[in-house]
Amino acid sequence: MERNERIGCKWRESKSRYTEKEKEKVMKKTGFTLIEIMVVLVILAILIGLAVPMFSLFSKRRKLENAGRLFQAATSTARSYAVTRQKRFKLVFAESALKIYNPETNKYEDKFTIPVGVEYTIGFKGDNATPFDDSAESPESPSPTAITNYAIEFRVDGSINFGQYTSVSYSEFVQDRKADIMIHQKGETTRVFIDLEPACGRSNWKFVEKNK
């Protein structure tokens, strides 16, 4: 590329300070080659491939963690009702929700909905005992079966009455063998174990890795 320069009142033509080869070198230095771009894309693909499973695992664990906190909140609320009102309340374990039942009114006063995809078994009721199927239960008319066979009772002092069942021992909970409530997601090995303390009515929970 040529350019004109003015010297005094005269014009003269001058050549560019870069030769064609030098221009090519400059362009190569300032740009990216196809190979460099492909390498970057491969690295990005690897990073994404690693990030997706990690995010999925984190998401599932967080969902179980939230479920554990929900069960803890349900037991705490039922206990609080019994202590503050000085009346006995029951906590019913159903498939769709944990329901707080008032024997005096024969009504459910509160409920905690189970997250979609989360399942649980009732350890104090027996090995692999499933919760009450409440799909046909009317909200206005609690099922006698649910109240009798799928519930625990909170006394006015906050303690728990397991009725016909027996609380899973704390030693089994510590040894990761069993728990009063075991929460899981279908196809996953991670569990949330919940231990209910009969004497005080409080609950503890933790993550446990179990074999399929």
N, C-alpha and C. Protein backbone atom coordinates (compact mmCIF):
# COMPACT_ATOMS: atom_id res chain seq x y z
N MET A 1 0.86 -1.20 0.00
CA MET A 1 0.00 0.00 0.00
C MET A 1 0.89 1.24 0.00
N GLU A 2 0.55 2.15 -0.86
CA GLU A 2 1.34 3.36 -0.97
C GLU A 2 0.58 4.54 -0.39
N ARG A 3 1.31 5.57 -0.01
CA ARG A 3 0.69 6.77 0.52
C ARG A 3 1.45 7.99 0.02
N ASN A 4 0.80 9.13 0.04
CA ASN A 4 1.41 10.39 -0.40
C ASN A 4 1.80 11.20 0.81
N GLU A 5 2.97 11.80 0.78
CA GLU A 5 3.44 12.67 1.84
C GLU A 5 3.73 14.05 1.24
N ARG A 6 3.43 15.04 2.04
CA ARG A 6 3.66 16.40 1.56
C ARG A 6 4.90 16.95 2.24
N ILE A 7 5.85 17.43 1.43
CA ILE A 7 7.07 18.07 1.93
C ILE A 7 7.09 19.49 1.38
N GLY A 8 6.89 20.40 2.31
CA GLY A 8 6.79 21.79 1.85
C GLY A 8 5.57 21.95 0.99
N CYS A 9 5.79 22.42 -0.27
CA CYS A 9 4.67 22.57 -1.20
C CYS A 9 4.61 21.42 -2.19
N LYS A 10 5.47 20.44 -1.98
CA LYS A 10 5.51 19.33 -2.94
C LYS A 10 4.98 18.04 -2.30
N TRP A 11 4.46 17.22 -3.15
CA TRP A 11 3.96 15.91 -2.73
C TRP A 11 4.90 14.84 -3.26
N ARG A 12 5.09 13.81 -2.45
CA ARG A 12 5.86 12.68 -2.96
C ARG A 12 5.20 11.38 -2.50
N GLU A 13 5.40 10.38 -3.25
CA GLU A 13 4.84 9.08 -2.92
C GLU A 13 5.83 8.29 -2.08
N SER A 14 5.31 7.63 -1.05
CA SER A 14 6.19 6.79 -0.22
C SER A 14 5.54 5.42 -0.04
N LYS A 15 6.36 4.44 0.08
CA LYS A 15 5.86 3.06 0.24
C LYS A 15 5.59 2.76 1.71
N SER A 16 4.71 1.79 1.94
CA SER A 16 4.41 1.36 3.30
C SER A 16 5.66 0.82 3.96
N ARG A 17 5.73 0.97 5.29
CA ARG A 17 6.91 0.50 6.01
C ARG A 17 6.91 -1.02 6.15
N TYR A 18 5.78 -1.69 5.85
CA TYR A 18 5.71 -3.14 5.94
C TYR A 18 5.74 -3.78 4.56
N THR A 19 6.52 -4.84 4.44
CA THR A 19 6.49 -5.63 3.20
C THR A 19 5.34 -6.61 3.31
N GLU A 20 5.03 -7.29 2.23
CA GLU A 20 3.93 -8.25 2.25
C GLU A 20 4.20 -9.38 3.24
N LYS A 21 5.43 -9.85 3.33
CA LYS A 21 5.78 -10.93 4.27
C LYS A 21 5.63 -10.47 5.71
N GLU A 22 6.04 -9.21 5.93
CA GLU A 22 5.92 -8.68 7.29
C GLU A 22 4.45 -8.55 7.69
N LYS A 23 3.62 -8.17 6.73
CA LYS A 23 2.19 -8.06 7.00
C LYS A 23 1.60 -9.42 7.39
N GLU A 24 2.03 -10.46 6.68
CA GLU A 24 1.55 -11.80 6.98
C GLU A 24 1.94 -12.22 8.39
N LYS A 25 3.18 -11.86 8.79
CA LYS A 25 3.65 -12.20 10.13
C LYS A 25 2.81 -11.49 11.20
N VAL A 26 2.53 -10.21 10.95
CA VAL A 26 1.74 -9.44 11.90
C VAL A 26 0.33 -10.02 12.04
N MET A 27 -0.27 -10.41 10.92
CA MET A 27 -1.62 -10.98 10.94
C MET A 27 -1.64 -12.31 11.68
N LYS A 28 -0.58 -13.10 11.50
CA LYS A 28 -0.50 -14.38 12.19
C LYS A 28 -0.38 -14.19 13.70
N LYS A 29 0.36 -13.16 14.09
CA LYS A 29 0.56 -12.91 15.52
C LYS A 29 -0.72 -12.41 16.20
N THR A 30 -1.52 -11.66 15.47
CA THR A 30 -2.71 -11.05 16.08
C THR A 30 -3.95 -11.94 15.97
N GLY A 31 -3.94 -13.00 15.23
CA GLY A 31 -5.09 -13.87 15.04
C GLY A 31 -4.93 -15.22 15.71
N PHE A 32 -5.97 -16.08 15.58
CA PHE A 32 -5.95 -17.44 16.11
C PHE A 32 -5.99 -18.42 14.95
N THR A 33 -5.23 -19.48 15.08
CA THR A 33 -5.26 -20.51 14.06
C THR A 33 -6.43 -21.45 14.33
N LEU A 34 -6.81 -22.23 13.34
CA LEU A 34 -7.90 -23.18 13.48
C LEU A 34 -7.59 -24.22 14.56
N ILE A 35 -6.34 -24.63 14.63
CA ILE A 35 -5.93 -25.63 15.62
C ILE A 35 -6.09 -25.07 17.03
N GLU A 36 -5.69 -23.81 17.23
CA GLU A 36 -5.83 -23.19 18.54
C GLU A 36 -7.29 -23.11 18.98
N ILE A 37 -8.15 -22.76 18.04
CA ILE A 37 -9.58 -22.68 18.35
C ILE A 37 -10.14 -24.05 18.71
N MET A 38 -9.71 -25.08 17.96
CA MET A 38 -10.18 -26.43 18.23
C MET A 38 -9.72 -26.92 19.61
N VAL A 39 -8.50 -26.58 19.98
CA VAL A 39 -7.98 -26.97 21.30
C VAL A 39 -8.81 -26.33 22.41
N VAL A 40 -9.13 -25.06 22.24
CA VAL A 40 -9.95 -24.35 23.23
C VAL A 40 -11.33 -25.00 23.35
N LEU A 41 -11.92 -25.35 22.20
CA LEU A 41 -13.25 -25.98 22.21
C LEU A 41 -13.22 -27.34 22.91
N VAL A 42 -12.16 -28.09 22.67
CA VAL A 42 -12.03 -29.41 23.31
C VAL A 42 -11.92 -29.25 24.83
N ILE A 43 -11.12 -28.28 25.27
CA ILE A 43 -10.97 -28.03 26.71
C ILE A 43 -12.30 -27.62 27.33
N LEU A 44 -13.04 -26.76 26.63
CA LEU A 44 -14.35 -26.34 27.13
C LEU A 44 -15.31 -27.52 27.24
N ALA A 45 -15.27 -28.41 26.24
CA ALA A 45 -16.15 -29.58 26.25
C ALA A 45 -15.83 -30.49 27.43
N ILE A 46 -14.54 -30.65 27.72
CA ILE A 46 -14.13 -31.49 28.86
C ILE A 46 -14.61 -30.88 30.17
N LEU A 47 -14.44 -29.56 30.31
CA LEU A 47 -14.86 -28.88 31.53
C LEU A 47 -16.37 -28.98 31.74
N ILE A 48 -17.13 -28.83 30.65
CA ILE A 48 -18.58 -28.95 30.73
C ILE A 48 -18.98 -30.37 31.10
N GLY A 49 -18.27 -31.34 30.49
CA GLY A 49 -18.55 -32.75 30.78
C GLY A 49 -18.32 -33.10 32.24
N LEU A 50 -17.34 -32.45 32.85
CA LEU A 50 -17.06 -32.69 34.27
C LEU A 50 -18.05 -31.94 35.16
N ALA A 51 -18.46 -30.77 34.71
CA ALA A 51 -19.32 -29.92 35.54
C ALA A 51 -20.75 -30.45 35.65
N VAL A 52 -21.28 -31.01 34.56
CA VAL A 52 -22.67 -31.47 34.56
C VAL A 52 -22.94 -32.56 35.59
N PRO A 53 -22.13 -33.65 35.64
CA PRO A 53 -22.37 -34.67 36.68
C PRO A 53 -22.22 -34.12 38.09
N MET A 54 -21.25 -33.23 38.28
CA MET A 54 -21.04 -32.66 39.61
C MET A 54 -22.24 -31.82 40.04
N PHE A 55 -22.78 -31.06 39.09
CA PHE A 55 -23.95 -30.24 39.40
C PHE A 55 -25.16 -31.12 39.70
N SER A 56 -25.30 -32.21 38.91
CA SER A 56 -26.41 -33.14 39.12
C SER A 56 -26.34 -33.78 40.50
N LEU A 57 -25.12 -34.19 40.89
CA LEU A 57 -24.92 -34.80 42.20
C LEU A 57 -25.22 -33.80 43.32
N PHE A 58 -24.77 -32.57 43.13
CA PHE A 58 -25.02 -31.52 44.12
C PHE A 58 -26.52 -31.25 44.25
N SER A 59 -27.21 -31.23 43.09
CA SER A 59 -28.65 -30.95 43.09
C SER A 59 -29.43 -32.05 43.82
N LYS A 60 -29.05 -33.31 43.58
CA LYS A 60 -29.73 -34.42 44.24
C LYS A 60 -29.47 -34.40 45.74
N ARG A 61 -28.24 -34.13 46.11
CA ARG A 61 -27.90 -34.08 47.53
C ARG A 61 -28.65 -32.94 48.23
N ARG A 62 -28.75 -31.81 47.55
CA ARG A 62 -29.48 -30.68 48.12
C ARG A 62 -30.96 -31.01 48.30
N LYS A 63 -31.51 -31.77 47.34
CA LYS A 63 -32.92 -32.15 47.44
C LYS A 63 -33.15 -33.05 48.65
N LEU A 64 -32.23 -34.00 48.88
CA LEU A 64 -32.33 -34.87 50.05
C LEU A 64 -32.15 -34.08 51.34
N GLU A 65 -31.23 -33.13 51.29
CA GLU A 65 -30.99 -32.29 52.47
C GLU A 65 -32.25 -31.51 52.84
N ASN A 66 -32.91 -30.96 51.83
CA ASN A 66 -34.14 -30.22 52.07
C ASN A 66 -35.24 -31.13 52.62
N ALA A 67 -35.27 -32.38 52.12
CA ALA A 67 -36.25 -33.34 52.62
C ALA A 67 -35.99 -33.66 54.09
N GLY A 68 -34.72 -33.81 54.45
CA GLY A 68 -34.37 -34.06 55.84
C GLY A 68 -34.81 -32.92 56.74
N ARG A 69 -34.60 -31.70 56.28
CA ARG A 69 -35.01 -30.53 57.06
C ARG A 69 -36.54 -30.45 57.17
N LEU A 70 -37.22 -30.88 56.10
CA LEU A 70 -38.68 -30.86 56.13
C LEU A 70 -39.22 -31.82 57.20
N PHE A 71 -38.66 -33.02 57.26
CA PHE A 71 -39.08 -33.99 58.28
C PHE A 71 -38.80 -33.46 59.68
N GLN A 72 -37.65 -32.83 59.82
CA GLN A 72 -37.29 -32.26 61.12
C GLN A 72 -38.26 -31.14 61.50
N ALA A 73 -38.64 -30.33 60.53
CA ALA A 73 -39.58 -29.24 60.78
C ALA A 73 -40.96 -29.78 61.16
N ALA A 74 -41.37 -30.86 60.51
CA ALA A 74 -42.68 -31.45 60.80
C ALA A 74 -42.74 -32.00 62.22
N THR A 75 -41.71 -32.72 62.63
CA THR A 75 -41.69 -33.27 63.99
C THR A 75 -41.61 -32.15 65.03
N SER A 76 -40.83 -31.12 64.71
CA SER A 76 -40.68 -30.00 65.63
C SER A 76 -42.01 -29.24 65.79
N THR A 77 -42.73 -29.08 64.68
CA THR A 77 -44.01 -28.37 64.73
C THR A 77 -45.06 -29.16 65.51
N ALA A 78 -45.13 -30.46 65.25
CA ALA A 78 -46.09 -31.30 65.98
C ALA A 78 -45.80 -31.29 67.48
N ARG A 79 -44.54 -31.34 67.82
CA ARG A 79 -44.13 -31.29 69.23
C ARG A 79 -44.51 -29.95 69.86
N SER A 80 -44.29 -28.87 69.10
CA SER A 80 -44.61 -27.53 69.59
C SER A 80 -46.10 -27.37 69.85
N TYR A 81 -46.93 -27.91 68.94
CA TYR A 81 -48.38 -27.86 69.13
C TYR A 81 -48.77 -28.53 70.44
N ALA A 82 -48.20 -29.71 70.68
CA ALA A 82 -48.55 -30.47 71.88
C ALA A 82 -48.13 -29.75 73.16
N VAL A 83 -46.94 -29.19 73.14
CA VAL A 83 -46.41 -28.53 74.34
C VAL A 83 -47.11 -27.21 74.62
N THR A 84 -47.25 -26.38 73.62
CA THR A 84 -47.82 -25.04 73.82
C THR A 84 -49.32 -25.08 74.11
N ARG A 85 -50.03 -26.01 73.49
CA ARG A 85 -51.48 -26.10 73.70
C ARG A 85 -51.85 -27.08 74.82
N GLN A 86 -50.84 -27.81 75.28
CA GLN A 86 -51.07 -28.82 76.32
C GLN A 86 -52.17 -29.81 75.90
N LYS A 87 -52.05 -30.25 74.66
CA LYS A 87 -52.95 -31.25 74.09
C LYS A 87 -52.12 -32.22 73.24
N ARG A 88 -52.56 -33.43 73.16
CA ARG A 88 -51.83 -34.43 72.37
C ARG A 88 -52.12 -34.25 70.88
N PHE A 89 -51.06 -34.34 70.10
CA PHE A 89 -51.18 -34.26 68.64
C PHE A 89 -50.48 -35.47 68.02
N LYS A 90 -50.92 -35.83 66.83
CA LYS A 90 -50.30 -36.94 66.12
C LYS A 90 -49.65 -36.44 64.82
N LEU A 91 -48.56 -37.10 64.46
CA LEU A 91 -47.90 -36.82 63.18
C LEU A 91 -48.11 -38.05 62.31
N VAL A 92 -48.86 -37.88 61.22
CA VAL A 92 -49.19 -38.98 60.31
C VAL A 92 -48.18 -39.01 59.16
N PHE A 93 -47.66 -40.20 58.89
CA PHE A 93 -46.69 -40.38 57.80
C PHE A 93 -47.41 -40.90 56.56
N ALA A 94 -47.69 -40.01 55.62
CA ALA A 94 -48.38 -40.37 54.38
C ALA A 94 -47.45 -40.19 53.19
N GLU A 95 -47.85 -40.73 52.05
CA GLU A 95 -47.00 -40.67 50.86
C GLU A 95 -46.82 -39.25 50.35
N SER A 96 -47.88 -38.47 50.39
CA SER A 96 -47.81 -37.12 49.81
C SER A 96 -47.31 -36.07 50.78
N ALA A 97 -47.50 -36.33 52.08
CA ALA A 97 -47.14 -35.30 53.07
C ALA A 97 -47.07 -35.87 54.48
N LEU A 98 -46.44 -35.10 55.35
CA LEU A 98 -46.46 -35.37 56.78
C LEU A 98 -47.57 -34.49 57.35
N LYS A 99 -48.54 -35.10 58.02
CA LYS A 99 -49.73 -34.36 58.43
C LYS A 99 -49.87 -34.34 59.95
N ILE A 100 -50.16 -33.17 60.48
CA ILE A 100 -50.34 -33.02 61.93
C ILE A 100 -51.84 -33.10 62.24
N TYR A 101 -52.17 -34.09 63.04
CA TYR A 101 -53.58 -34.41 63.33
C TYR A 101 -53.96 -34.02 64.76
N ASN A 102 -55.11 -33.37 64.87
CA ASN A 102 -55.66 -32.97 66.17
C ASN A 102 -56.79 -33.94 66.55
N PRO A 103 -56.59 -34.81 67.54
CA PRO A 103 -57.61 -35.79 67.93
C PRO A 103 -58.92 -35.15 68.40
N GLU A 104 -58.85 -33.97 68.99
CA GLU A 104 -60.05 -33.33 69.52
C GLU A 104 -61.00 -32.87 68.42
N THR A 105 -60.43 -32.39 67.34
CA THR A 105 -61.26 -31.89 66.23
C THR A 105 -61.40 -32.91 65.11
N ASN A 106 -60.59 -33.98 65.17
CA ASN A 106 -60.55 -34.99 64.12
C ASN A 106 -60.23 -34.35 62.76
N LYS A 107 -59.29 -33.40 62.79
CA LYS A 107 -58.88 -32.70 61.57
C LYS A 107 -57.35 -32.62 61.50
N TYR A 108 -56.89 -32.46 60.27
CA TYR A 108 -55.47 -32.18 60.07
C TYR A 108 -55.29 -30.67 60.21
N GLU A 109 -54.38 -30.25 61.06
CA GLU A 109 -54.17 -28.82 61.28
C GLU A 109 -53.02 -28.26 60.45
N ASP A 110 -52.15 -29.13 60.00
CA ASP A 110 -51.00 -28.66 59.23
C ASP A 110 -50.45 -29.83 58.43
N LYS A 111 -49.69 -29.52 57.38
CA LYS A 111 -49.05 -30.59 56.62
C LYS A 111 -47.77 -30.08 55.96
N PHE A 112 -46.87 -31.01 55.72
CA PHE A 112 -45.59 -30.71 55.08
C PHE A 112 -45.47 -31.62 53.86
N THR A 113 -45.58 -31.03 52.68
CA THR A 113 -45.61 -31.80 51.43
C THR A 113 -44.24 -32.40 51.10
N ILE A 114 -44.25 -33.69 50.75
CA ILE A 114 -43.02 -34.39 50.37
C ILE A 114 -42.60 -33.93 48.98
N PRO A 115 -41.34 -33.56 48.77
CA PRO A 115 -40.88 -33.13 47.44
C PRO A 115 -41.05 -34.23 46.39
N VAL A 116 -41.33 -33.83 45.17
CA VAL A 116 -41.48 -34.79 44.07
C VAL A 116 -40.18 -35.56 43.87
N GLY A 117 -40.29 -36.87 43.71
CA GLY A 117 -39.10 -37.70 43.49
C GLY A 117 -38.48 -38.24 44.76
N VAL A 118 -38.96 -37.77 45.90
CA VAL A 118 -38.42 -38.22 47.19
C VAL A 118 -39.35 -39.29 47.78
N GLU A 119 -38.76 -40.38 48.24
CA GLU A 119 -39.51 -41.46 48.88
C GLU A 119 -38.93 -41.73 50.26
N TYR A 120 -39.70 -42.41 51.10
CA TYR A 120 -39.16 -42.74 52.43
C TYR A 120 -39.81 -43.99 52.98
N THR A 121 -39.11 -44.61 53.92
CA THR A 121 -39.65 -45.78 54.61
C THR A 121 -39.68 -45.49 56.11
N ILE A 122 -40.55 -46.21 56.81
CA ILE A 122 -40.74 -45.97 58.24
C ILE A 122 -40.05 -47.09 59.01
N GLY A 123 -38.88 -46.81 59.52
CA GLY A 123 -38.09 -47.82 60.21
C GLY A 123 -38.71 -48.33 61.49
N PHE A 124 -39.35 -47.44 62.26
CA PHE A 124 -39.93 -47.88 63.54
C PHE A 124 -41.14 -48.79 63.34
N LYS A 125 -41.70 -48.79 62.15
CA LYS A 125 -42.88 -49.61 61.83
C LYS A 125 -42.47 -51.00 61.32
N GLY A 126 -41.22 -51.13 60.90
CA GLY A 126 -40.74 -52.41 60.38
C GLY A 126 -39.83 -52.19 59.19
N ASP A 127 -39.11 -53.24 58.80
CA ASP A 127 -38.19 -53.14 57.67
C ASP A 127 -38.93 -52.80 56.39
N ASN A 128 -38.46 -51.75 55.71
CA ASN A 128 -39.01 -51.32 54.43
C ASN A 128 -40.51 -51.00 54.49
N ALA A 129 -41.00 -50.60 55.65
CA ALA A 129 -42.41 -50.23 55.78
C ALA A 129 -42.66 -48.90 55.08
N THR A 130 -43.62 -48.89 54.19
CA THR A 130 -43.91 -47.69 53.40
C THR A 130 -44.96 -46.83 54.11
N PRO A 131 -45.01 -45.54 53.78
CA PRO A 131 -46.01 -44.65 54.41
C PRO A 131 -47.42 -44.94 53.92
N PHE A 132 -48.37 -44.29 54.54
CA PHE A 132 -49.78 -44.48 54.20
C PHE A 132 -50.09 -43.91 52.82
N ASP A 133 -50.82 -44.70 52.02
CA ASP A 133 -51.25 -44.24 50.70
C ASP A 133 -52.48 -43.34 50.88
N ASP A 134 -52.25 -42.05 50.79
CA ASP A 134 -53.34 -41.09 51.04
C ASP A 134 -53.96 -40.55 49.77
N SER A 135 -53.77 -41.25 48.65
CA SER A 135 -54.29 -40.75 47.38
C SER A 135 -55.82 -40.65 47.38
N ALA A 136 -56.48 -41.51 48.16
CA ALA A 136 -57.95 -41.50 48.20
C ALA A 136 -58.49 -40.87 49.48
N GLU A 137 -57.62 -40.35 50.30
CA GLU A 137 -58.05 -39.77 51.58
C GLU A 137 -58.59 -38.36 51.38
N SER A 138 -59.68 -38.07 52.05
CA SER A 138 -60.26 -36.73 51.99
C SER A 138 -59.59 -35.81 53.01
N PRO A 139 -59.21 -34.61 52.62
CA PRO A 139 -58.58 -33.67 53.56
C PRO A 139 -59.49 -33.34 54.75
N GLU A 140 -60.79 -33.43 54.53
CA GLU A 140 -61.76 -33.10 55.58
C GLU A 140 -62.08 -34.29 56.48
N SER A 141 -61.65 -35.48 56.05
CA SER A 141 -61.98 -36.68 56.81
C SER A 141 -60.76 -37.60 56.89
N PRO A 142 -59.89 -37.40 57.87
CA PRO A 142 -58.68 -38.22 58.02
C PRO A 142 -59.01 -39.71 58.14
N SER A 143 -58.20 -40.53 57.52
CA SER A 143 -58.42 -41.97 57.54
C SER A 143 -58.09 -42.56 58.92
N PRO A 144 -58.99 -43.35 59.49
CA PRO A 144 -58.70 -44.01 60.78
C PRO A 144 -57.47 -44.91 60.70
N THR A 145 -57.26 -45.53 59.53
CA THR A 145 -56.09 -46.40 59.34
C THR A 145 -54.80 -45.59 59.45
N ALA A 146 -54.79 -44.43 58.83
CA ALA A 146 -53.60 -43.57 58.88
C ALA A 146 -53.31 -43.12 60.30
N ILE A 147 -54.34 -42.73 61.01
CA ILE A 147 -54.18 -42.22 62.37
C ILE A 147 -53.73 -43.30 63.34
N THR A 148 -54.19 -44.53 63.11
CA THR A 148 -53.89 -45.63 64.02
C THR A 148 -52.57 -46.33 63.70
N ASN A 149 -52.34 -46.58 62.41
CA ASN A 149 -51.20 -47.43 62.01
C ASN A 149 -50.02 -46.69 61.39
N TYR A 150 -50.17 -45.41 61.09
CA TYR A 150 -49.09 -44.68 60.42
C TYR A 150 -48.76 -43.37 61.11
N ALA A 151 -48.88 -43.35 62.43
CA ALA A 151 -48.67 -42.10 63.14
C ALA A 151 -47.95 -42.31 64.47
N ILE A 152 -47.32 -41.25 64.93
CA ILE A 152 -46.75 -41.21 66.28
C ILE A 152 -47.45 -40.08 67.02
N GLU A 153 -47.49 -40.20 68.33
CA GLU A 153 -48.20 -39.21 69.14
C GLU A 153 -47.23 -38.39 69.99
N PHE A 154 -47.45 -37.08 69.98
CA PHE A 154 -46.64 -36.19 70.82
C PHE A 154 -47.44 -35.85 72.07
N ARG A 155 -46.85 -36.14 73.21
CA ARG A 155 -47.51 -35.85 74.49
C ARG A 155 -47.32 -34.38 74.86
N VAL A 156 -48.01 -33.95 75.91
CA VAL A 156 -47.96 -32.54 76.32
C VAL A 156 -46.58 -32.14 76.86
N ASP A 157 -45.77 -33.10 77.26
CA ASP A 157 -44.42 -32.77 77.74
C ASP A 157 -43.39 -32.82 76.61
N GLY A 158 -43.86 -33.07 75.38
CA GLY A 158 -42.97 -33.09 74.22
C GLY A 158 -42.43 -34.45 73.85
N SER A 159 -42.64 -35.44 74.70
CA SER A 159 -42.15 -36.79 74.41
C SER A 159 -43.01 -37.47 73.35
N ILE A 160 -42.48 -38.57 72.79
CA ILE A 160 -43.17 -39.27 71.71
C ILE A 160 -43.69 -40.63 72.19
N ASN A 161 -44.93 -40.91 71.83
CA ASN A 161 -45.53 -42.22 72.07
C ASN A 161 -45.60 -42.96 70.73
N PHE A 162 -44.83 -44.04 70.61
CA PHE A 162 -44.81 -44.80 69.36
C PHE A 162 -45.96 -45.82 69.28
N GLY A 163 -46.78 -45.88 70.32
CA GLY A 163 -47.93 -46.77 70.30
C GLY A 163 -47.54 -48.23 70.20
N GLN A 164 -48.05 -48.90 69.17
CA GLN A 164 -47.79 -50.32 68.97
C GLN A 164 -46.40 -50.61 68.42
N TYR A 165 -45.66 -49.56 68.09
CA TYR A 165 -44.33 -49.73 67.50
C TYR A 165 -43.24 -49.34 68.49
N THR A 166 -42.00 -49.62 68.11
CA THR A 166 -40.86 -49.31 68.97
C THR A 166 -39.84 -48.48 68.20
N SER A 167 -39.36 -47.44 68.82
CA SER A 167 -38.36 -46.58 68.18
C SER A 167 -37.09 -47.36 67.89
N VAL A 168 -36.50 -47.12 66.73
CA VAL A 168 -35.23 -47.75 66.38
C VAL A 168 -34.17 -47.24 67.35
N SER A 169 -33.33 -48.13 67.83
CA SER A 169 -32.33 -47.75 68.83
C SER A 169 -31.33 -46.75 68.27
N TYR A 170 -30.86 -45.89 69.15
CA TYR A 170 -29.89 -44.86 68.74
C TYR A 170 -28.59 -45.49 68.26
N SER A 171 -28.22 -46.63 68.82
CA SER A 171 -26.97 -47.30 68.42
C SER A 171 -27.03 -47.74 66.96
N GLU A 172 -28.19 -48.20 66.51
CA GLU A 172 -28.34 -48.59 65.11
C GLU A 172 -28.23 -47.36 64.21
N PHE A 173 -28.76 -46.25 64.69
CA PHE A 173 -28.67 -45.00 63.93
C PHE A 173 -27.22 -44.56 63.81
N VAL A 174 -26.47 -44.63 64.90
CA VAL A 174 -25.06 -44.23 64.91
C VAL A 174 -24.23 -45.13 64.00
N GLN A 175 -24.57 -46.41 63.95
CA GLN A 175 -23.82 -47.37 63.15
C GLN A 175 -24.27 -47.40 61.69
N ASP A 176 -25.17 -46.49 61.32
CA ASP A 176 -25.67 -46.38 59.94
C ASP A 176 -26.38 -47.65 59.48
N ARG A 177 -26.98 -48.36 60.40
CA ARG A 177 -27.67 -49.60 60.06
C ARG A 177 -29.15 -49.38 59.79
N LYS A 178 -29.75 -48.52 60.60
CA LYS A 178 -31.19 -48.32 60.50
C LYS A 178 -31.56 -46.99 61.16
N ALA A 179 -32.79 -46.54 60.91
CA ALA A 179 -33.26 -45.30 61.53
C ALA A 179 -34.78 -45.33 61.60
N ASP A 180 -35.34 -44.41 62.37
CA ASP A 180 -36.80 -44.34 62.48
C ASP A 180 -37.43 -43.97 61.14
N ILE A 181 -36.76 -43.07 60.41
CA ILE A 181 -37.21 -42.67 59.08
C ILE A 181 -36.00 -42.71 58.14
N MET A 182 -36.19 -43.29 56.94
CA MET A 182 -35.11 -43.34 55.96
C MET A 182 -35.61 -42.75 54.64
N ILE A 183 -34.97 -41.67 54.22
CA ILE A 183 -35.39 -40.94 53.02
C ILE A 183 -34.42 -41.22 51.88
N HIS A 184 -34.95 -41.34 50.67
CA HIS A 184 -34.09 -41.60 49.52
C HIS A 184 -34.76 -41.12 48.23
N GLN A 185 -33.97 -41.13 47.16
CA GLN A 185 -34.49 -40.88 45.83
C GLN A 185 -34.33 -42.16 45.03
N LYS A 186 -35.28 -42.48 44.20
CA LYS A 186 -35.27 -43.73 43.46
C LYS A 186 -34.00 -43.87 42.62
N GLY A 187 -33.33 -45.02 42.77
CA GLY A 187 -32.12 -45.29 42.00
C GLY A 187 -30.85 -44.72 42.58
N GLU A 188 -30.95 -43.99 43.68
CA GLU A 188 -29.78 -43.38 44.31
C GLU A 188 -29.38 -44.14 45.57
N THR A 189 -28.09 -44.13 45.87
CA THR A 189 -27.60 -44.87 47.04
C THR A 189 -27.52 -44.01 48.30
N THR A 190 -27.52 -42.72 48.15
CA THR A 190 -27.45 -41.84 49.32
C THR A 190 -28.80 -41.79 50.03
N ARG A 191 -28.76 -41.89 51.35
CA ARG A 191 -29.97 -41.85 52.16
C ARG A 191 -29.85 -40.75 53.22
N VAL A 192 -30.99 -40.32 53.70
CA VAL A 192 -31.02 -39.46 54.88
C VAL A 192 -31.67 -40.27 55.99
N PHE A 193 -30.93 -40.47 57.06
CA PHE A 193 -31.44 -41.21 58.21
C PHE A 193 -31.92 -40.22 59.27
N ILE A 194 -33.12 -40.45 59.78
CA ILE A 194 -33.67 -39.59 60.83
C ILE A 194 -33.93 -40.41 62.09
N ASP A 195 -33.41 -39.93 63.19
CA ASP A 195 -33.61 -40.59 64.48
C ASP A 195 -34.53 -39.73 65.33
N LEU A 196 -35.60 -40.33 65.84
CA LEU A 196 -36.54 -39.63 66.71
C LEU A 196 -36.26 -40.02 68.16
N GLU A 197 -36.10 -39.03 69.01
CA GLU A 197 -35.80 -39.29 70.42
C GLU A 197 -37.10 -39.33 71.22
N PRO A 198 -37.51 -40.52 71.69
CA PRO A 198 -38.80 -40.66 72.38
C PRO A 198 -38.93 -39.78 73.62
N ALA A 199 -37.87 -39.66 74.39
CA ALA A 199 -37.95 -38.95 75.68
C ALA A 199 -38.20 -37.45 75.53
N CYS A 200 -37.58 -36.85 74.51
CA CYS A 200 -37.71 -35.39 74.36
C CYS A 200 -38.47 -34.97 73.11
N GLY A 201 -38.68 -35.91 72.18
CA GLY A 201 -39.46 -35.61 70.98
C GLY A 201 -38.70 -34.89 69.89
N ARG A 202 -37.40 -34.78 70.05
CA ARG A 202 -36.60 -34.09 69.03
C ARG A 202 -36.06 -35.09 68.02
N SER A 203 -35.51 -34.57 66.92
CA SER A 203 -35.01 -35.45 65.86
C SER A 203 -33.61 -35.05 65.42
N ASN A 204 -32.86 -36.05 64.95
CA ASN A 204 -31.54 -35.83 64.37
C ASN A 204 -31.52 -36.48 62.99
N TRP A 205 -30.76 -35.91 62.08
CA TRP A 205 -30.67 -36.52 60.76
C TRP A 205 -29.26 -36.40 60.20
N LYS A 206 -28.94 -37.30 59.27
CA LYS A 206 -27.61 -37.32 58.66
C LYS A 206 -27.66 -38.05 57.32
N PHE A 207 -26.63 -37.82 56.49
CA PHE A 207 -26.49 -38.52 55.21
C PHE A 207 -25.81 -39.86 55.45
N VAL A 208 -26.28 -40.89 54.75
CA VAL A 208 -25.68 -42.22 54.84
C VAL A 208 -25.60 -42.79 53.43
N GLU A 209 -24.45 -43.35 53.07
CA GLU A 209 -24.27 -44.00 51.77
C GLU A 209 -24.57 -45.48 51.93
N LYS A 210 -25.62 -45.95 51.26
CA LYS A 210 -26.03 -47.35 51.36
C LYS A 210 -25.88 -48.03 50.01
N ASN A 211 -25.65 -49.33 50.03
CA ASN A 211 -25.57 -50.11 48.80
C ASN A 211 -26.96 -50.28 48.21
N LYS A 212 -26.98 -50.39 46.86
CA LYS A 212 -28.27 -50.57 46.19
C LYS A 212 -28.83 -51.96 46.51
